[in-house]
Amino acid sequence: MEMLRYTLMRLGIFVGCLVVVWGLVYSGVAPRGLGDSNGLWIILLALVFSAPISFVVLRKERDRASIQIAERVERMKANFRASASQEDEADDQARARGQAS
């Protein structure tokens, strides 16, 4: 849930930057792209401005999301280890039955 929240907040910052950059380019304050590349230029500028803003503003959200991901990875590792140990036990039992015969 935290990851979705972080992603939506980051997308919101990007869209806000996109609107501001679009306004600046079309008002003539910021330079236009070359030829037909104006749309790509606006998106690129919005990405350049939104990345550092997101990095600073969303630090707490990013930390919460990374903790959630780390916990999920640890649960998956524990489940994998438990599954592997069950397989090892079953293999050992099968070998023991095979040697007894």
PDB file of N, CA and C in Angstrom:
ATOM      1  N   MET A   1       0.826  -1.193   0.000  1.00  0.00           N
ATOM      2  CA  MET A   1       0.000   0.000   0.000  1.00  0.00           C
ATOM      3  C   MET A   1       0.874   1.263   0.000  1.00  0.00           C
ATOM      4  N   GLU A   2       1.960   1.213   0.769  1.00  0.00           N
ATOM      5  CA  GLU A   2       2.857   2.370   0.826  1.00  0.00           C
ATOM      6  C   GLU A   2       3.484   2.642  -0.535  1.00  0.00           C
ATOM      7  N   MET A   3       3.807   1.565  -1.259  1.00  0.00           N
ATOM      8  CA  MET A   3       4.434   1.737  -2.573  1.00  0.00           C
ATOM      9  C   MET A   3       3.474   2.415  -3.541  1.00  0.00           C
ATOM     10  N   LEU A   4       2.208   2.028  -3.493  1.00  0.00           N
ATOM     11  CA  LEU A   4       1.211   2.659  -4.357  1.00  0.00           C
ATOM     12  C   LEU A   4       1.055   4.133  -4.006  1.00  0.00           C
ATOM     13  N   ARG A   5       1.019   4.424  -2.719  1.00  0.00           N
ATOM     14  CA  ARG A   5       0.901   5.814  -2.277  1.00  0.00           C
ATOM     15  C   ARG A   5       2.095   6.636  -2.753  1.00  0.00           C
ATOM     16  N   TYR A   6       3.298   6.093  -2.597  1.00  0.00           N
ATOM     17  CA  TYR A   6       4.510   6.782  -3.044  1.00  0.00           C
ATOM     18  C   TYR A   6       4.471   7.021  -4.556  1.00  0.00           C
ATOM     19  N   THR A   7       4.082   6.002  -5.304  1.00  0.00           N
ATOM     20  CA  THR A   7       4.021   6.122  -6.764  1.00  0.00           C
ATOM     21  C   THR A   7       3.022   7.187  -7.183  1.00  0.00           C
ATOM     22  N   LEU A   8       1.853   7.203  -6.553  1.00  0.00           N
ATOM     23  CA  LEU A   8       0.846   8.206  -6.900  1.00  0.00           C
ATOM     24  C   LEU A   8       1.306   9.617  -6.534  1.00  0.00           C
ATOM     25  N   MET A   9       1.987   9.754  -5.404  1.00  0.00           N
ATOM     26  CA  MET A   9       2.498  11.071  -5.014  1.00  0.00           C
ATOM     27  C   MET A   9       3.579  11.532  -5.990  1.00  0.00           C
ATOM     28  N   ARG A  10       4.421  10.616  -6.408  1.00  0.00           N
ATOM     29  CA  ARG A  10       5.471  10.965  -7.372  1.00  0.00           C
ATOM     30  C   ARG A  10       4.859  11.344  -8.721  1.00  0.00           C
ATOM     31  N   LEU A  11       3.846  10.608  -9.133  1.00  0.00           N
ATOM     32  CA  LEU A  11       3.146  10.932 -10.376  1.00  0.00           C
ATOM     33  C   LEU A  11       2.484  12.302 -10.273  1.00  0.00           C
ATOM     34  N   GLY A  12       1.925  12.612  -9.126  1.00  0.00           N
ATOM     35  CA  GLY A  12       1.309  13.929  -8.919  1.00  0.00           C
ATOM     36  C   GLY A  12       2.321  15.057  -9.039  1.00  0.00           C
ATOM     37  N   ILE A  13       3.501  14.861  -8.478  1.00  0.00           N
ATOM     38  CA  ILE A  13       4.557  15.879  -8.594  1.00  0.00           C
ATOM     39  C   ILE A  13       4.967  16.038 -10.053  1.00  0.00           C
ATOM     40  N   PHE A  14       5.087  14.919 -10.777  1.00  0.00           N
ATOM     41  CA  PHE A  14       5.446  14.998 -12.198  1.00  0.00           C
ATOM     42  C   PHE A  14       4.376  15.747 -12.990  1.00  0.00           C
ATOM     43  N   VAL A  15       3.116  15.428 -12.757  1.00  0.00           N
ATOM     44  CA  VAL A  15       2.035  16.101 -13.491  1.00  0.00           C
ATOM     45  C   VAL A  15       2.027  17.591 -13.162  1.00  0.00           C
ATOM     46  N   GLY A  16       2.250  17.944 -11.912  1.00  0.00           N
ATOM     47  CA  GLY A  16       2.331  19.358 -11.545  1.00  0.00           C
ATOM     48  C   GLY A  16       3.463  20.060 -12.271  1.00  0.00           C
ATOM     49  N   CYS A  17       4.623  19.429 -12.318  1.00  0.00           N
ATOM     50  CA  CYS A  17       5.762  19.996 -13.043  1.00  0.00           C
ATOM     51  C   CYS A  17       5.470  20.076 -14.537  1.00  0.00           C
ATOM     52  N   LEU A  18       4.781  19.085 -15.074  1.00  0.00           N
ATOM     53  CA  LEU A  18       4.425  19.076 -16.493  1.00  0.00           C
ATOM     54  C   LEU A  18       3.536  20.265 -16.834  1.00  0.00           C
ATOM     55  N   VAL A  19       2.565  20.547 -15.986  1.00  0.00           N
ATOM     56  CA  VAL A  19       1.662  21.683 -16.218  1.00  0.00           C
ATOM     57  C   VAL A  19       2.430  23.004 -16.142  1.00  0.00           C
ATOM     58  N   VAL A  20       3.304  23.128 -15.151  1.00  0.00           N
ATOM     59  CA  VAL A  20       4.083  24.358 -15.001  1.00  0.00           C
ATOM     60  C   VAL A  20       5.025  24.554 -16.184  1.00  0.00           C
ATOM     61  N   VAL A  21       5.735  23.499 -16.580  1.00  0.00           N
ATOM     62  CA  VAL A  21       6.666  23.601 -17.706  1.00  0.00           C
ATOM     63  C   VAL A  21       5.906  23.913 -18.994  1.00  0.00           C
ATOM     64  N   TRP A  22       4.776  23.266 -19.185  1.00  0.00           N
ATOM     65  CA  TRP A  22       3.964  23.534 -20.372  1.00  0.00           C
ATOM     66  C   TRP A  22       3.576  25.012 -20.425  1.00  0.00           C
ATOM     67  N   GLY A  23       3.144  25.533 -19.280  1.00  0.00           N
ATOM     68  CA  GLY A  23       2.775  26.954 -19.227  1.00  0.00           C
ATOM     69  C   GLY A  23       3.963  27.857 -19.513  1.00  0.00           C
ATOM     70  N   LEU A  24       5.127  27.519 -18.971  1.00  0.00           N
ATOM     71  CA  LEU A  24       6.319  28.340 -19.201  1.00  0.00           C
ATOM     72  C   LEU A  24       6.773  28.296 -20.657  1.00  0.00           C
ATOM     73  N   VAL A  25       6.694  27.121 -21.277  1.00  0.00           N
ATOM     74  CA  VAL A  25       7.114  27.006 -22.680  1.00  0.00           C
ATOM     75  C   VAL A  25       6.150  27.749 -23.592  1.00  0.00           C
ATOM     76  N   TYR A  26       4.872  27.590 -23.374  1.00  0.00           N
ATOM     77  CA  TYR A  26       3.910  28.239 -24.268  1.00  0.00           C
ATOM     78  C   TYR A  26       3.755  29.730 -24.007  1.00  0.00           C
ATOM     79  N   SER A  27       4.185  30.198 -22.848  1.00  0.00           N
ATOM     80  CA  SER A  27       4.169  31.645 -22.616  1.00  0.00           C
ATOM     81  C   SER A  27       5.461  32.295 -23.102  1.00  0.00           C
ATOM     82  N   GLY A  28       6.445  31.489 -23.485  1.00  0.00           N
ATOM     83  CA  GLY A  28       7.690  32.013 -24.017  1.00  0.00           C
ATOM     84  C   GLY A  28       8.775  32.224 -22.972  1.00  0.00           C
ATOM     85  N   VAL A  29       8.497  31.915 -21.721  1.00  0.00           N
ATOM     86  CA  VAL A  29       9.492  32.084 -20.664  1.00  0.00           C
ATOM     87  C   VAL A  29      10.594  31.037 -20.799  1.00  0.00           C
ATOM     88  N   ALA A  30      10.222  29.799 -21.077  1.00  0.00           N
ATOM     89  CA  ALA A  30      11.190  28.716 -21.274  1.00  0.00           C
ATOM     90  C   ALA A  30      11.326  28.467 -22.779  1.00  0.00           C
ATOM     91  N   PRO A  31      12.488  28.021 -23.220  1.00  0.00           N
ATOM     92  CA  PRO A  31      12.676  27.805 -24.666  1.00  0.00           C
ATOM     93  C   PRO A  31      11.844  26.642 -25.189  1.00  0.00           C
ATOM     94  N   ARG A  32      11.439  26.757 -26.444  1.00  0.00           N
ATOM     95  CA  ARG A  32      10.703  25.674 -27.110  1.00  0.00           C
ATOM     96  C   ARG A  32      11.693  24.647 -27.630  1.00  0.00           C
ATOM     97  N   GLY A  33      11.209  23.436 -27.868  1.00  0.00           N
ATOM     98  CA  GLY A  33      12.050  22.397 -28.444  1.00  0.00           C
ATOM     99  C   GLY A  33      12.316  22.686 -29.913  1.00  0.00           C
ATOM    100  N   LEU A  34      13.155  21.889 -30.526  1.00  0.00           N
ATOM    101  CA  LEU A  34      13.494  22.065 -31.933  1.00  0.00           C
ATOM    102  C   LEU A  34      12.468  21.362 -32.810  1.00  0.00           C
ATOM    103  N   GLY A  35      11.945  22.051 -33.772  1.00  0.00           N
ATOM    104  CA  GLY A  35      11.019  21.457 -34.735  1.00  0.00           C
ATOM    105  C   GLY A  35       9.789  20.861 -34.077  1.00  0.00           C
ATOM    106  N   ASP A  36       9.560  19.568 -34.351  1.00  0.00           N
ATOM    107  CA  ASP A  36       8.389  18.875 -33.819  1.00  0.00           C
ATOM    108  C   ASP A  36       8.626  18.263 -32.444  1.00  0.00           C
ATOM    109  N   SER A  37       9.752  18.529 -31.833  1.00  0.00           N
ATOM    110  CA  SER A  37      10.091  17.878 -30.560  1.00  0.00           C
ATOM    111  C   SER A  37       9.576  18.633 -29.343  1.00  0.00           C
ATOM    112  N   ASN A  38       8.688  19.587 -29.520  1.00  0.00           N
ATOM    113  CA  ASN A  38       8.241  20.417 -28.403  1.00  0.00           C
ATOM    114  C   ASN A  38       7.588  19.584 -27.291  1.00  0.00           C
ATOM    115  N   GLY A  39       6.745  18.612 -27.642  1.00  0.00           N
ATOM    116  CA  GLY A  39       6.102  17.777 -26.622  1.00  0.00           C
ATOM    117  C   GLY A  39       7.114  16.973 -25.833  1.00  0.00           C
ATOM    118  N   LEU A  40       8.065  16.401 -26.538  1.00  0.00           N
ATOM    119  CA  LEU A  40       9.120  15.628 -25.873  1.00  0.00           C
ATOM    120  C   LEU A  40       9.973  16.534 -24.986  1.00  0.00           C
ATOM    121  N   TRP A  41      10.246  17.739 -25.448  1.00  0.00           N
ATOM    122  CA  TRP A  41      11.017  18.718 -24.674  1.00  0.00           C
ATOM    123  C   TRP A  41      10.302  19.054 -23.366  1.00  0.00           C
ATOM    124  N   ILE A  42       8.999  19.243 -23.433  1.00  0.00           N
ATOM    125  CA  ILE A  42       8.221  19.579 -22.235  1.00  0.00           C
ATOM    126  C   ILE A  42       8.256  18.410 -21.247  1.00  0.00           C
ATOM    127  N   ILE A  43       8.093  17.188 -21.743  1.00  0.00           N
ATOM    128  CA  ILE A  43       8.138  16.015 -20.865  1.00  0.00           C
ATOM    129  C   ILE A  43       9.517  15.867 -20.233  1.00  0.00           C
ATOM    130  N   LEU A  44      10.560  16.062 -21.030  1.00  0.00           N
ATOM    131  CA  LEU A  44      11.926  15.953 -20.516  1.00  0.00           C
ATOM    132  C   LEU A  44      12.194  16.994 -19.426  1.00  0.00           C
ATOM    133  N   LEU A  45      11.784  18.226 -19.658  1.00  0.00           N
ATOM    134  CA  LEU A  45      11.971  19.264 -18.632  1.00  0.00           C
ATOM    135  C   LEU A  45      11.188  18.943 -17.365  1.00  0.00           C
ATOM    136  N   ALA A  46       9.967  18.439 -17.531  1.00  0.00           N
ATOM    137  CA  ALA A  46       9.159  18.078 -16.363  1.00  0.00           C
ATOM    138  C   ALA A  46       9.830  16.959 -15.570  1.00  0.00           C
ATOM    139  N   LEU A  47      10.408  15.980 -16.259  1.00  0.00           N
ATOM    140  CA  LEU A  47      11.129  14.910 -15.561  1.00  0.00           C
ATOM    141  C   LEU A  47      12.345  15.446 -14.811  1.00  0.00           C
ATOM    142  N   VAL A  48      13.066  16.356 -15.469  1.00  0.00           N
ATOM    143  CA  VAL A  48      14.272  16.921 -14.845  1.00  0.00           C
ATOM    144  C   VAL A  48      13.919  17.710 -13.591  1.00  0.00           C
ATOM    145  N   PHE A  49      12.817  18.443 -13.617  1.00  0.00           N
ATOM    146  CA  PHE A  49      12.428  19.229 -12.444  1.00  0.00           C
ATOM    147  C   PHE A  49      11.751  18.380 -11.369  1.00  0.00           C
ATOM    148  N   SER A  50      10.972  17.372 -11.774  1.00  0.00           N
ATOM    149  CA  SER A  50      10.228  16.597 -10.779  1.00  0.00           C
ATOM    150  C   SER A  50      11.113  15.622 -10.009  1.00  0.00           C
ATOM    151  N   ALA A  51      12.194  15.138 -10.618  1.00  0.00           N
ATOM    152  CA  ALA A  51      13.042  14.154  -9.941  1.00  0.00           C
ATOM    153  C   ALA A  51      13.647  14.692  -8.641  1.00  0.00           C
ATOM    154  N   PRO A  52      14.333  15.840  -8.658  1.00  0.00           N
ATOM    155  CA  PRO A  52      14.895  16.320  -7.383  1.00  0.00           C
ATOM    156  C   PRO A  52      13.822  16.749  -6.382  1.00  0.00           C
ATOM    157  N   ILE A  53      12.703  17.271  -6.895  1.00  0.00           N
ATOM    158  CA  ILE A  53      11.615  17.654  -5.990  1.00  0.00           C
ATOM    159  C   ILE A  53      11.084  16.416  -5.280  1.00  0.00           C
ATOM    160  N   SER A  54      10.847  15.339  -6.042  1.00  0.00           N
ATOM    161  CA  SER A  54      10.370  14.089  -5.452  1.00  0.00           C
ATOM    162  C   SER A  54      11.378  13.533  -4.462  1.00  0.00           C
ATOM    163  N   PHE A  55      12.652  13.617  -4.806  1.00  0.00           N
ATOM    164  CA  PHE A  55      13.701  13.088  -3.931  1.00  0.00           C
ATOM    165  C   PHE A  55      13.671  13.757  -2.569  1.00  0.00           C
ATOM    166  N   VAL A  56      13.477  15.056  -2.537  1.00  0.00           N
ATOM    167  CA  VAL A  56      13.481  15.801  -1.278  1.00  0.00           C
ATOM    168  C   VAL A  56      12.140  15.699  -0.561  1.00  0.00           C
ATOM    169  N   VAL A  57      11.054  15.943  -1.288  1.00  0.00           N
ATOM    170  CA  VAL A  57       9.734  16.033  -0.670  1.00  0.00           C
ATOM    171  C   VAL A  57       9.216  14.669  -0.208  1.00  0.00           C
ATOM    172  N   LEU A  58       9.517  13.624  -0.949  1.00  0.00           N
ATOM    173  CA  LEU A  58       8.956  12.304  -0.643  1.00  0.00           C
ATOM    174  C   LEU A  58       9.915  11.391   0.103  1.00  0.00           C
ATOM    175  N   ARG A  59      10.889  11.944   0.779  1.00  0.00           N
ATOM    176  CA  ARG A  59      11.879  11.128   1.489  1.00  0.00           C
ATOM    177  C   ARG A  59      11.232  10.181   2.502  1.00  0.00           C
ATOM    178  N   LYS A  60      10.315  10.681   3.326  1.00  0.00           N
ATOM    179  CA  LYS A  60       9.673   9.840   4.341  1.00  0.00           C
ATOM    180  C   LYS A  60       8.834   8.745   3.699  1.00  0.00           C
ATOM    181  N   GLU A  61       8.103   9.103   2.657  1.00  0.00           N
ATOM    182  CA  GLU A  61       7.292   8.101   1.959  1.00  0.00           C
ATOM    183  C   GLU A  61       8.166   7.029   1.325  1.00  0.00           C
ATOM    184  N   ARG A  62       9.290   7.429   0.745  1.00  0.00           N
ATOM    185  CA  ARG A  62      10.210   6.480   0.119  1.00  0.00           C
ATOM    186  C   ARG A  62      10.795   5.539   1.178  1.00  0.00           C
ATOM    187  N   ASP A  63      11.134   6.066   2.343  1.00  0.00           N
ATOM    188  CA  ASP A  63      11.663   5.237   3.422  1.00  0.00           C
ATOM    189  C   ASP A  63      10.623   4.223   3.896  1.00  0.00           C
ATOM    190  N   ARG A  64       9.367   4.664   4.029  1.00  0.00           N
ATOM    191  CA  ARG A  64       8.301   3.743   4.442  1.00  0.00           C
ATOM    192  C   ARG A  64       8.110   2.640   3.410  1.00  0.00           C
ATOM    193  N   ALA A  65       8.113   3.022   2.143  1.00  0.00           N
ATOM    194  CA  ALA A  65       7.933   2.032   1.072  1.00  0.00           C
ATOM    195  C   ALA A  65       9.094   1.042   1.046  1.00  0.00           C
ATOM    196  N   SER A  66      10.315   1.523   1.248  1.00  0.00           N
ATOM    197  CA  SER A  66      11.469   0.609   1.223  1.00  0.00           C
ATOM    198  C   SER A  66      11.438  -0.346   2.411  1.00  0.00           C
ATOM    199  N   ILE A  67      10.959   0.109   3.559  1.00  0.00           N
ATOM    200  CA  ILE A  67      10.823  -0.786   4.711  1.00  0.00           C
ATOM    201  C   ILE A  67       9.805  -1.875   4.402  1.00  0.00           C
ATOM    202  N   GLN A  68       8.695  -1.491   3.781  1.00  0.00           N
ATOM    203  CA  GLN A  68       7.664  -2.460   3.425  1.00  0.00           C
ATOM    204  C   GLN A  68       8.208  -3.486   2.431  1.00  0.00           C
ATOM    205  N   ILE A  69       8.975  -3.044   1.472  1.00  0.00           N
ATOM    206  CA  ILE A  69       9.553  -3.958   0.482  1.00  0.00           C
ATOM    207  C   ILE A  69      10.560  -4.893   1.155  1.00  0.00           C
ATOM    208  N   ALA A  70      11.396  -4.357   2.038  1.00  0.00           N
ATOM    209  CA  ALA A  70      12.380  -5.187   2.745  1.00  0.00           C
ATOM    210  C   ALA A  70      11.693  -6.249   3.600  1.00  0.00           C
ATOM    211  N   GLU A  71      10.600  -5.886   4.263  1.00  0.00           N
ATOM    212  CA  GLU A  71       9.859  -6.865   5.064  1.00  0.00           C
ATOM    213  C   GLU A  71       9.274  -7.951   4.177  1.00  0.00           C
ATOM    214  N   ARG A  72       8.744  -7.569   3.025  1.00  0.00           N
ATOM    215  CA  ARG A  72       8.173  -8.541   2.099  1.00  0.00           C
ATOM    216  C   ARG A  72       9.256  -9.504   1.597  1.00  0.00           C
ATOM    217  N   VAL A  73      10.438  -8.973   1.290  1.00  0.00           N
ATOM    218  CA  VAL A  73      11.543  -9.819   0.834  1.00  0.00           C
ATOM    219  C   VAL A  73      11.954 -10.796   1.931  1.00  0.00           C
ATOM    220  N   GLU A  74      12.023 -10.337   3.171  1.00  0.00           N
ATOM    221  CA  GLU A  74      12.390 -11.217   4.281  1.00  0.00           C
ATOM    222  C   GLU A  74      11.360 -12.325   4.467  1.00  0.00           C
ATOM    223  N   ARG A  75      10.061 -12.007   4.334  1.00  0.00           N
ATOM    224  CA  ARG A  75       9.027 -13.038   4.439  1.00  0.00           C
ATOM    225  C   ARG A  75       9.190 -14.071   3.328  1.00  0.00           C
ATOM    226  N   MET A  76       9.478 -13.602   2.117  1.00  0.00           N
ATOM    227  CA  MET A  76       9.664 -14.527   1.003  1.00  0.00           C
ATOM    228  C   MET A  76      10.877 -15.424   1.229  1.00  0.00           C
ATOM    229  N   LYS A  77      11.963 -14.857   1.760  1.00  0.00           N
ATOM    230  CA  LYS A  77      13.154 -15.657   2.061  1.00  0.00           C
ATOM    231  C   LYS A  77      12.850 -16.709   3.119  1.00  0.00           C
ATOM    232  N   ALA A  78      12.104 -16.322   4.160  1.00  0.00           N
ATOM    233  CA  ALA A  78      11.755 -17.262   5.224  1.00  0.00           C
ATOM    234  C   ALA A  78      10.881 -18.379   4.669  1.00  0.00           C
ATOM    235  N   ASN A  79       9.920 -18.035   3.824  1.00  0.00           N
ATOM    236  CA  ASN A  79       9.073 -19.064   3.213  1.00  0.00           C
ATOM    237  C   ASN A  79       9.895 -19.993   2.327  1.00  0.00           C
ATOM    238  N   PHE A  80      10.846 -19.442   1.608  1.00  0.00           N
ATOM    239  CA  PHE A  80      11.701 -20.260   0.752  1.00  0.00           C
ATOM    240  C   PHE A  80      12.547 -21.217   1.582  1.00  0.00           C
ATOM    241  N   ARG A  81      13.124 -20.698   2.680  1.00  0.00           N
ATOM    242  CA  ARG A  81      13.933 -21.559   3.550  1.00  0.00           C
ATOM    243  C   ARG A  81      13.087 -22.667   4.169  1.00  0.00           C
ATOM    244  N   ALA A  82      11.858 -22.324   4.596  1.00  0.00           N
ATOM    245  CA  ALA A  82      10.975 -23.331   5.187  1.00  0.00           C
ATOM    246  C   ALA A  82      10.616 -24.392   4.155  1.00  0.00           C
ATOM    247  N   SER A  83      10.336 -23.975   2.949  1.00  0.00           N
ATOM    248  CA  SER A  83      10.008 -24.916   1.878  1.00  0.00           C
ATOM    249  C   SER A  83      11.201 -25.807   1.551  1.00  0.00           C
ATOM    250  N   ALA A  84      12.380 -25.228   1.495  1.00  0.00           N
ATOM    251  CA  ALA A  84      13.583 -26.009   1.190  1.00  0.00           C
ATOM    252  C   ALA A  84      13.869 -27.021   2.287  1.00  0.00           C
ATOM    253  N   SER A  85      13.664 -26.639   3.549  1.00  0.00           N
ATOM    254  CA  SER A  85      13.932 -27.584   4.640  1.00  0.00           C
ATOM    255  C   SER A  85      12.912 -28.714   4.628  1.00  0.00           C
ATOM    256  N   GLN A  86      11.659 -28.445   4.251  1.00  0.00           N
ATOM    257  CA  GLN A  86      10.659 -29.508   4.130  1.00  0.00           C
ATOM    258  C   GLN A  86      11.038 -30.479   3.023  1.00  0.00           C
ATOM    259  N   GLU A  87      11.529 -29.949   1.911  1.00  0.00           N
ATOM    260  CA  GLU A  87      11.959 -30.805   0.811  1.00  0.00           C
ATOM    261  C   GLU A  87      13.157 -31.664   1.234  1.00  0.00           C
ATOM    262  N   ASP A  88      14.085 -31.061   1.984  1.00  0.00           N
ATOM    263  CA  ASP A  88      15.244 -31.811   2.459  1.00  0.00           C
ATOM    264  C   ASP A  88      14.824 -32.949   3.381  1.00  0.00           C
ATOM    265  N   GLU A  89      13.854 -32.666   4.271  1.00  0.00           N
ATOM    266  CA  GLU A  89      13.361 -33.706   5.182  1.00  0.00           C
ATOM    267  C   GLU A  89      12.703 -34.833   4.397  1.00  0.00           C
ATOM    268  N   ALA A  90      11.885 -34.497   3.440  1.00  0.00           N
ATOM    269  CA  ALA A  90      11.200 -35.516   2.637  1.00  0.00           C
ATOM    270  C   ALA A  90      12.217 -36.346   1.861  1.00  0.00           C
ATOM    271  N   ASP A  91      13.248 -35.698   1.349  1.00  0.00           N
ATOM    272  CA  ASP A  91      14.289 -36.411   0.617  1.00  0.00           C
ATOM    273  C   ASP A  91      15.053 -37.358   1.546  1.00  0.00           C
ATOM    274  N   ASP A  92      15.380 -36.870   2.745  1.00  0.00           N
ATOM    275  CA  ASP A  92      16.093 -37.709   3.713  1.00  0.00           C
ATOM    276  C   ASP A  92      15.254 -38.927   4.113  1.00  0.00           C
ATOM    277  N   GLN A  93      13.954 -38.717   4.314  1.00  0.00           N
ATOM    278  CA  GLN A  93      13.071 -39.824   4.684  1.00  0.00           C
ATOM    279  C   GLN A  93      12.973 -40.846   3.548  1.00  0.00           C
ATOM    280  N   ALA A  94      12.882 -40.364   2.318  1.00  0.00           N
ATOM    281  CA  ALA A  94      12.794 -41.268   1.170  1.00  0.00           C
ATOM    282  C   ALA A  94      14.078 -42.072   1.032  1.00  0.00           C
ATOM    283  N   ARG A  95      15.214 -41.454   1.251  1.00  0.00           N
ATOM    284  CA  ARG A  95      16.489 -42.171   1.172  1.00  0.00           C
ATOM    285  C   ARG A  95      16.593 -43.213   2.285  1.00  0.00           C
ATOM    286  N   ALA A  96      16.139 -42.846   3.474  1.00  0.00           N
ATOM    287  CA  ALA A  96      16.201 -43.774   4.606  1.00  0.00           C
ATOM    288  C   ALA A  96      15.319 -44.991   4.331  1.00  0.00           C
ATOM    289  N   ARG A  97      14.138 -44.801   3.756  1.00  0.00           N
ATOM    290  CA  ARG A  97      13.265 -45.922   3.415  1.00  0.00           C
ATOM    291  C   ARG A  97      13.892 -46.779   2.323  1.00  0.00           C
ATOM    292  N   GLY A  98      14.570 -46.115   1.387  1.00  0.00           N
ATOM    293  CA  GLY A  98      15.217 -46.854   0.292  1.00  0.00           C
ATOM    294  C   GLY A  98      16.364 -47.703   0.792  1.00  0.00           C
ATOM    295  N   GLN A  99      17.100 -47.257   1.782  1.00  0.00           N
ATOM    296  CA  GLN A  99      18.235 -48.016   2.327  1.00  0.00           C
ATOM    297  C   GLN A  99      17.750 -49.160   3.220  1.00  0.00           C
ATOM    298  N   ALA A 100      16.592 -48.971   3.857  1.00  0.00           N
ATOM    299  CA  ALA A 100      16.067 -50.003   4.757  1.00  0.00           C
ATOM    300  C   ALA A 100      15.551 -51.200   3.963  1.00  0.00           C
ATOM    301  N   SER A 101      15.172 -51.011   2.751  1.00  0.00           N
ATOM    302  CA  SER A 101      14.623 -52.120   1.949  1.00  0.00           C
ATOM    303  C   SER A 101      15.671 -53.040   1.430  1.00  0.00           C
TER     304      SER A 101
END
